[in-house]
Amino acid sequence: MNSINKALERIERTLASARHDGAPKGWQSKAGGLTEKGRKAYNRQTGGNLQRPVKDPDHPRHKAFCARMKGQKEKMTGTATARDPESRINKSLRRWNCH
């Protein structure tokens, strides 16, 4: 029973320090996307290879990201979120200079 209480306390501490969307403070940029610290932590935890945004519109990663995110915006967001300039998806599209 004691180990269950310890586990619950650990979960509560984690939730208290996490943001509303589950990402710890300092991981998400206010301009949209992840900070360098967030990218490194994500890569460490998942073995991923997240890289910083590419501004060059001719770069293949830029084209792929913009196409994918525009599709997600149309498919996954409601009309209110799609028009909200403060939504995470719109912030990331602006940060990547997707038109």
N, C-alpha and C. Protein backbone atom coordinates (compact mmCIF):
# COMPACT_ATOMS: atom_id res chain seq x y z
N MET A 1 0.82 -1.19 0.00
CA MET A 1 0.00 0.00 0.00
C MET A 1 0.87 1.26 0.00
N ASN A 2 1.99 1.20 0.72
CA ASN A 2 2.89 2.34 0.80
C ASN A 2 3.49 2.68 -0.56
N SER A 3 3.83 1.66 -1.35
CA SER A 3 4.41 1.91 -2.68
C SER A 3 3.38 2.54 -3.62
N ILE A 4 2.11 2.21 -3.44
CA ILE A 4 1.06 2.82 -4.26
C ILE A 4 0.95 4.30 -3.92
N ASN A 5 1.01 4.63 -2.65
CA ASN A 5 0.93 6.04 -2.24
C ASN A 5 2.10 6.84 -2.78
N LYS A 6 3.29 6.24 -2.75
CA LYS A 6 4.47 6.91 -3.29
C LYS A 6 4.32 7.15 -4.80
N ALA A 7 3.80 6.14 -5.49
CA ALA A 7 3.60 6.28 -6.93
C ALA A 7 2.58 7.37 -7.23
N LEU A 8 1.51 7.43 -6.45
CA LEU A 8 0.50 8.47 -6.65
C LEU A 8 1.06 9.86 -6.38
N GLU A 9 1.88 9.98 -5.34
CA GLU A 9 2.51 11.27 -5.04
C GLU A 9 3.43 11.70 -6.18
N ARG A 10 4.19 10.76 -6.74
CA ARG A 10 5.07 11.06 -7.85
C ARG A 10 4.28 11.53 -9.07
N ILE A 11 3.17 10.88 -9.33
CA ILE A 11 2.32 11.27 -10.45
C ILE A 11 1.75 12.66 -10.23
N GLU A 12 1.29 12.94 -9.01
CA GLU A 12 0.74 14.26 -8.71
C GLU A 12 1.79 15.35 -8.86
N ARG A 13 3.03 15.09 -8.43
CA ARG A 13 4.10 16.07 -8.59
C ARG A 13 4.39 16.32 -10.06
N THR A 14 4.40 15.25 -10.84
CA THR A 14 4.64 15.39 -12.27
C THR A 14 3.54 16.20 -12.94
N LEU A 15 2.31 15.91 -12.60
CA LEU A 15 1.19 16.65 -13.18
C LEU A 15 1.19 18.10 -12.74
N ALA A 16 1.59 18.36 -11.52
CA ALA A 16 1.62 19.74 -11.04
C ALA A 16 2.68 20.56 -11.76
N SER A 17 3.77 19.93 -12.14
CA SER A 17 4.85 20.66 -12.82
C SER A 17 4.65 20.71 -14.33
N ALA A 18 3.71 19.93 -14.85
CA ALA A 18 3.49 19.88 -16.30
C ALA A 18 2.50 20.95 -16.73
N ARG A 19 2.60 21.30 -17.99
CA ARG A 19 1.64 22.24 -18.56
C ARG A 19 0.34 21.53 -18.87
N HIS A 20 -0.67 22.29 -19.25
CA HIS A 20 -1.98 21.72 -19.52
C HIS A 20 -1.96 20.68 -20.63
N ASP A 21 -1.02 20.78 -21.54
CA ASP A 21 -0.98 19.85 -22.66
C ASP A 21 0.01 18.71 -22.43
N GLY A 22 0.56 18.61 -21.24
CA GLY A 22 1.43 17.50 -20.91
C GLY A 22 2.90 17.76 -21.10
N ALA A 23 3.28 18.84 -21.76
CA ALA A 23 4.70 19.14 -21.95
C ALA A 23 5.21 19.93 -20.76
N PRO A 24 6.34 19.53 -20.18
CA PRO A 24 6.89 20.27 -19.05
C PRO A 24 7.22 21.71 -19.41
N LYS A 25 7.24 22.56 -18.40
CA LYS A 25 7.58 23.97 -18.63
C LYS A 25 8.97 24.07 -19.22
N GLY A 26 9.15 24.98 -20.13
CA GLY A 26 10.45 25.16 -20.77
C GLY A 26 10.61 24.36 -22.04
N TRP A 27 9.71 23.45 -22.31
CA TRP A 27 9.81 22.64 -23.52
C TRP A 27 9.16 23.31 -24.70
N GLN A 28 8.09 24.06 -24.46
CA GLN A 28 7.37 24.67 -25.57
C GLN A 28 7.70 26.13 -25.70
N SER A 29 7.95 26.55 -26.92
CA SER A 29 8.23 27.94 -27.21
C SER A 29 6.91 28.70 -27.25
N LYS A 30 6.92 29.94 -26.79
CA LYS A 30 5.72 30.76 -26.86
C LYS A 30 5.38 31.10 -28.30
N ALA A 31 6.35 31.05 -29.19
CA ALA A 31 6.12 31.33 -30.60
C ALA A 31 5.60 30.11 -31.35
N GLY A 32 5.53 28.96 -30.69
CA GLY A 32 5.06 27.74 -31.33
C GLY A 32 6.19 26.75 -31.49
N GLY A 33 5.89 25.49 -31.35
CA GLY A 33 6.91 24.46 -31.47
C GLY A 33 7.64 24.21 -30.17
N LEU A 34 8.71 23.47 -30.25
CA LEU A 34 9.50 23.13 -29.07
C LEU A 34 10.76 23.99 -29.00
N THR A 35 11.22 24.19 -27.78
CA THR A 35 12.50 24.87 -27.58
C THR A 35 13.62 23.85 -27.83
N GLU A 36 14.84 24.33 -27.83
CA GLU A 36 15.99 23.44 -27.99
C GLU A 36 16.00 22.41 -26.86
N LYS A 37 15.71 22.86 -25.65
CA LYS A 37 15.67 21.96 -24.50
C LYS A 37 14.59 20.89 -24.69
N GLY A 38 13.44 21.29 -25.22
CA GLY A 38 12.35 20.35 -25.47
C GLY A 38 12.70 19.33 -26.54
N ARG A 39 13.35 19.80 -27.61
CA ARG A 39 13.75 18.88 -28.68
C ARG A 39 14.76 17.86 -28.17
N LYS A 40 15.73 18.32 -27.39
CA LYS A 40 16.74 17.39 -26.86
C LYS A 40 16.11 16.37 -25.92
N ALA A 41 15.20 16.83 -25.06
CA ALA A 41 14.55 15.91 -24.12
C ALA A 41 13.69 14.90 -24.87
N TYR A 42 12.96 15.36 -25.88
CA TYR A 42 12.12 14.45 -26.68
C TYR A 42 12.99 13.41 -27.38
N ASN A 43 14.08 13.85 -27.98
CA ASN A 43 14.98 12.93 -28.69
C ASN A 43 15.58 11.92 -27.72
N ARG A 44 15.94 12.37 -26.52
CA ARG A 44 16.50 11.47 -25.52
C ARG A 44 15.48 10.41 -25.10
N GLN A 45 14.24 10.84 -24.86
CA GLN A 45 13.21 9.93 -24.37
C GLN A 45 12.73 8.95 -25.42
N THR A 46 12.65 9.39 -26.67
CA THR A 46 12.03 8.57 -27.70
C THR A 46 13.01 8.01 -28.71
N GLY A 47 14.24 8.51 -28.69
CA GLY A 47 15.19 8.10 -29.72
C GLY A 47 14.91 8.78 -31.04
N GLY A 48 14.10 9.84 -31.01
CA GLY A 48 13.74 10.57 -32.22
C GLY A 48 14.87 11.45 -32.71
N ASN A 49 14.60 12.21 -33.76
CA ASN A 49 15.60 13.09 -34.33
C ASN A 49 14.94 14.42 -34.71
N LEU A 50 14.24 15.04 -33.76
CA LEU A 50 13.62 16.32 -34.04
C LEU A 50 14.70 17.37 -34.27
N GLN A 51 14.49 18.20 -35.27
CA GLN A 51 15.45 19.25 -35.59
C GLN A 51 14.73 20.59 -35.54
N ARG A 52 15.50 21.66 -35.52
CA ARG A 52 14.90 22.99 -35.46
C ARG A 52 14.22 23.35 -36.77
N PRO A 53 13.28 24.31 -36.74
CA PRO A 53 12.56 24.68 -37.96
C PRO A 53 13.49 25.18 -39.07
N VAL A 54 13.10 24.92 -40.31
CA VAL A 54 13.85 25.36 -41.48
C VAL A 54 13.08 26.51 -42.12
N LYS A 55 13.73 27.65 -42.32
CA LYS A 55 13.07 28.82 -42.89
C LYS A 55 13.13 28.86 -44.42
N ASP A 56 14.08 28.15 -45.00
CA ASP A 56 14.26 28.18 -46.45
C ASP A 56 13.10 27.45 -47.13
N PRO A 57 12.27 28.16 -47.90
CA PRO A 57 11.10 27.52 -48.51
C PRO A 57 11.43 26.45 -49.55
N ASP A 58 12.66 26.42 -50.04
CA ASP A 58 13.04 25.42 -51.02
C ASP A 58 13.58 24.13 -50.39
N HIS A 59 13.79 24.14 -49.09
CA HIS A 59 14.31 22.97 -48.39
C HIS A 59 13.24 21.88 -48.33
N PRO A 60 13.59 20.62 -48.60
CA PRO A 60 12.59 19.55 -48.60
C PRO A 60 11.87 19.37 -47.26
N ARG A 61 12.59 19.56 -46.13
CA ARG A 61 11.93 19.44 -44.82
C ARG A 61 10.87 20.52 -44.65
N HIS A 62 11.16 21.72 -45.16
CA HIS A 62 10.21 22.83 -45.06
C HIS A 62 8.94 22.52 -45.84
N LYS A 63 9.11 22.06 -47.07
CA LYS A 63 7.95 21.74 -47.91
C LYS A 63 7.13 20.62 -47.29
N ALA A 64 7.79 19.60 -46.79
CA ALA A 64 7.08 18.46 -46.20
C ALA A 64 6.32 18.87 -44.94
N PHE A 65 6.98 19.65 -44.08
CA PHE A 65 6.33 20.08 -42.85
C PHE A 65 5.11 20.93 -43.14
N CYS A 66 5.24 21.90 -44.03
CA CYS A 66 4.12 22.80 -44.34
C CYS A 66 2.95 22.02 -44.93
N ALA A 67 3.23 21.11 -45.83
CA ALA A 67 2.16 20.32 -46.44
C ALA A 67 1.46 19.46 -45.38
N ARG A 68 2.25 18.82 -44.51
CA ARG A 68 1.69 17.95 -43.48
C ARG A 68 0.86 18.74 -42.48
N MET A 69 1.38 19.88 -42.02
CA MET A 69 0.67 20.65 -41.01
C MET A 69 -0.57 21.33 -41.57
N LYS A 70 -0.52 21.78 -42.81
CA LYS A 70 -1.72 22.37 -43.41
C LYS A 70 -2.82 21.32 -43.53
N GLY A 71 -2.44 20.11 -43.88
CA GLY A 71 -3.41 19.02 -43.94
C GLY A 71 -3.99 18.70 -42.57
N GLN A 72 -3.13 18.69 -41.54
CA GLN A 72 -3.59 18.43 -40.18
C GLN A 72 -4.52 19.54 -39.70
N LYS A 73 -4.21 20.75 -40.06
CA LYS A 73 -5.03 21.88 -39.65
C LYS A 73 -6.44 21.74 -40.23
N GLU A 74 -6.53 21.38 -41.50
CA GLU A 74 -7.83 21.22 -42.13
C GLU A 74 -8.59 20.02 -41.56
N LYS A 75 -7.85 18.95 -41.29
CA LYS A 75 -8.48 17.70 -40.88
C LYS A 75 -8.82 17.66 -39.39
N MET A 76 -7.95 18.21 -38.54
CA MET A 76 -8.05 17.98 -37.11
C MET A 76 -8.58 19.15 -36.28
N THR A 77 -8.68 20.33 -36.84
CA THR A 77 -9.11 21.46 -36.03
C THR A 77 -10.51 21.90 -36.41
N GLY A 78 -11.19 22.46 -35.43
CA GLY A 78 -12.50 23.03 -35.69
C GLY A 78 -12.33 24.44 -36.26
N THR A 79 -13.44 25.08 -36.59
CA THR A 79 -13.36 26.41 -37.20
C THR A 79 -12.79 27.44 -36.23
N ALA A 80 -13.10 27.30 -34.94
CA ALA A 80 -12.59 28.27 -33.96
C ALA A 80 -11.08 28.16 -33.83
N THR A 81 -10.56 26.95 -33.73
CA THR A 81 -9.12 26.74 -33.59
C THR A 81 -8.39 27.12 -34.87
N ALA A 82 -8.98 26.82 -36.01
CA ALA A 82 -8.33 27.12 -37.29
C ALA A 82 -8.10 28.61 -37.46
N ARG A 83 -8.97 29.44 -36.91
CA ARG A 83 -8.85 30.89 -37.06
C ARG A 83 -8.18 31.57 -35.88
N ASP A 84 -7.94 30.84 -34.81
CA ASP A 84 -7.33 31.42 -33.62
C ASP A 84 -5.82 31.60 -33.83
N PRO A 85 -5.32 32.84 -33.83
CA PRO A 85 -3.89 33.04 -34.06
C PRO A 85 -3.01 32.50 -32.92
N GLU A 86 -3.60 32.24 -31.76
CA GLU A 86 -2.83 31.74 -30.62
C GLU A 86 -2.86 30.21 -30.50
N SER A 87 -3.51 29.51 -31.44
CA SER A 87 -3.53 28.05 -31.38
C SER A 87 -2.13 27.52 -31.71
N ARG A 88 -1.79 26.38 -31.16
CA ARG A 88 -0.45 25.81 -31.33
C ARG A 88 -0.15 25.55 -32.82
N ILE A 89 -1.14 25.08 -33.55
CA ILE A 89 -0.89 24.75 -34.96
C ILE A 89 -0.63 26.02 -35.77
N ASN A 90 -1.37 27.10 -35.50
CA ASN A 90 -1.15 28.34 -36.23
C ASN A 90 0.18 28.98 -35.85
N LYS A 91 0.57 28.86 -34.59
CA LYS A 91 1.87 29.38 -34.17
C LYS A 91 3.00 28.64 -34.88
N SER A 92 2.88 27.31 -34.97
CA SER A 92 3.96 26.55 -35.61
C SER A 92 4.01 26.83 -37.11
N LEU A 93 2.85 27.00 -37.75
CA LEU A 93 2.84 27.33 -39.17
C LEU A 93 3.49 28.70 -39.41
N ARG A 94 3.24 29.66 -38.53
CA ARG A 94 3.89 30.97 -38.64
C ARG A 94 5.38 30.87 -38.43
N ARG A 95 5.79 30.07 -37.44
CA ARG A 95 7.21 29.94 -37.15
C ARG A 95 7.98 29.32 -38.30
N TRP A 96 7.35 28.42 -39.02
CA TRP A 96 7.98 27.77 -40.17
C TRP A 96 7.79 28.59 -41.44
N ASN A 97 7.10 29.72 -41.36
CA ASN A 97 6.81 30.57 -42.52
C ASN A 97 6.03 29.82 -43.60
N CYS A 98 5.04 29.06 -43.18
CA CYS A 98 4.16 28.36 -44.13
C CYS A 98 3.04 29.32 -44.53
N HIS A 99 2.87 29.52 -45.81
CA HIS A 99 1.84 30.47 -46.27
C HIS A 99 0.63 29.74 -46.75
